[in-house]
Amino acid sequence: MRIMEWQLQDAKNQFSKVVQKARDEGPQVVTVRGQRAAVVLSAREYDALRAGRPTLVDDLLSGPAWDDALSEVVSDRSRTPSREVAF
């Protein structure tokens, strides 16, 4: 696998080539003022990186279960705003 670095302007001008090399040869690094700024990956490599990782929705849904006391407090809370409105 040959990782190649592209200056941003070159990557913009030859984007189809950057994508093709990412598919055929591996990740392509894009630099801005000599500093790594982005990496172009093939969809297959990206999917492999994401495989098995939970999504944000999975993370939110897998949070701790509410115990009965917390459920009761939430259910019994006042439906009116907690702040007084001054006129």
Protein backbone atom coordinates (compact mmCIF):
# COMPACT_ATOMS: atom_id res chain seq x y z
CA MET A 1 0.00 0.00 0.00
CA ARG A 2 1.47 3.33 -1.07
CA ILE A 3 0.22 6.37 0.81
CA MET A 4 0.69 9.50 -1.23
CA GLU A 5 0.56 13.12 -0.10
CA TRP A 6 -1.21 15.75 -2.15
CA GLN A 7 -1.12 19.49 -1.68
CA LEU A 8 -4.68 20.81 -1.46
CA GLN A 9 -4.56 22.64 -4.79
CA ASP A 10 -3.24 19.51 -6.56
CA ALA A 11 -5.87 17.34 -4.89
CA LYS A 12 -8.61 19.74 -6.04
CA ASN A 13 -7.29 19.83 -9.60
CA GLN A 14 -6.89 16.05 -9.80
CA PHE A 15 -9.68 14.87 -7.51
CA SER A 16 -10.72 11.94 -9.71
CA LYS A 17 -7.11 10.72 -9.66
CA VAL A 18 -6.94 11.09 -5.87
CA VAL A 19 -10.12 9.01 -5.51
CA GLN A 20 -8.90 6.37 -7.96
CA LYS A 21 -5.57 6.04 -6.10
CA ALA A 22 -7.45 5.78 -2.79
CA ARG A 23 -9.44 2.89 -4.26
CA ASP A 24 -6.45 1.14 -5.87
CA GLU A 25 -3.47 2.02 -3.67
CA GLY A 26 -4.77 3.05 -0.26
CA PRO A 27 -5.32 6.24 1.73
CA GLN A 28 -4.30 9.53 0.14
CA VAL A 29 -3.21 12.36 2.44
CA VAL A 30 -4.14 15.95 1.59
CA THR A 31 -1.95 18.67 3.08
CA VAL A 32 -2.52 22.37 3.67
CA ARG A 33 0.66 24.43 4.05
CA GLY A 34 2.62 21.23 4.57
CA GLN A 35 0.40 19.96 7.39
CA ARG A 36 -1.83 16.89 7.11
CA ALA A 37 -5.40 18.13 6.78
CA ALA A 38 -7.47 15.23 5.44
CA VAL A 39 -7.26 11.64 4.29
CA VAL A 40 -9.18 10.27 1.33
CA LEU A 41 -10.15 6.62 1.86
CA SER A 42 -11.89 4.11 -0.33
CA ALA A 43 -15.45 3.30 0.73
CA ARG A 44 -14.31 -0.23 1.57
CA GLU A 45 -11.60 1.06 3.94
CA TYR A 46 -14.02 3.49 5.54
CA ASP A 47 -16.61 0.75 6.06
CA ALA A 48 -13.94 -1.46 7.65
CA LEU A 49 -13.05 1.35 10.07
CA ARG A 50 -16.71 1.85 11.03
CA ALA A 51 -17.56 -1.85 11.32
CA GLY A 52 -18.75 -2.80 14.76
CA ARG A 53 -18.72 0.76 16.09
CA PRO A 54 -21.98 1.91 17.60
CA THR A 55 -23.80 4.88 16.14
CA LEU A 56 -24.80 7.91 18.19
CA VAL A 57 -28.34 6.51 18.41
CA ASP A 58 -26.97 3.19 19.70
CA ASP A 59 -24.95 5.06 22.34
CA LEU A 60 -27.96 7.09 23.48
CA LEU A 61 -30.27 4.09 23.64
CA SER A 62 -27.76 1.97 25.53
CA GLY A 63 -27.47 4.40 28.44
CA PRO A 64 -28.23 3.32 31.98
CA ALA A 65 -31.76 2.19 32.67
CA TRP A 66 -33.93 4.44 34.78
CA ASP A 67 -34.74 3.00 38.15
CA ASP A 68 -38.28 3.21 39.53
CA ALA A 69 -37.54 6.24 41.71
CA LEU A 70 -36.20 8.32 38.80
CA SER A 71 -39.09 7.27 36.56
CA GLU A 72 -41.55 8.35 39.25
CA VAL A 73 -39.89 11.75 39.71
CA VAL A 74 -39.91 12.42 35.97
CA SER A 75 -43.53 11.29 35.61
CA ASP A 76 -44.74 13.34 38.57
CA ARG A 77 -42.93 16.57 37.73
CA SER A 78 -44.91 19.72 37.19
CA ARG A 79 -46.01 20.35 33.61
CA THR A 80 -45.71 24.13 34.07
CA PRO A 81 -42.45 26.00 33.49
CA SER A 82 -40.18 26.07 36.52
CA ARG A 83 -39.28 29.75 36.06
CA GLU A 84 -41.57 32.59 36.98
CA VAL A 85 -42.33 35.01 34.17
CA ALA A 86 -41.98 38.66 35.15
CA PHE A 87 -44.12 41.19 33.33
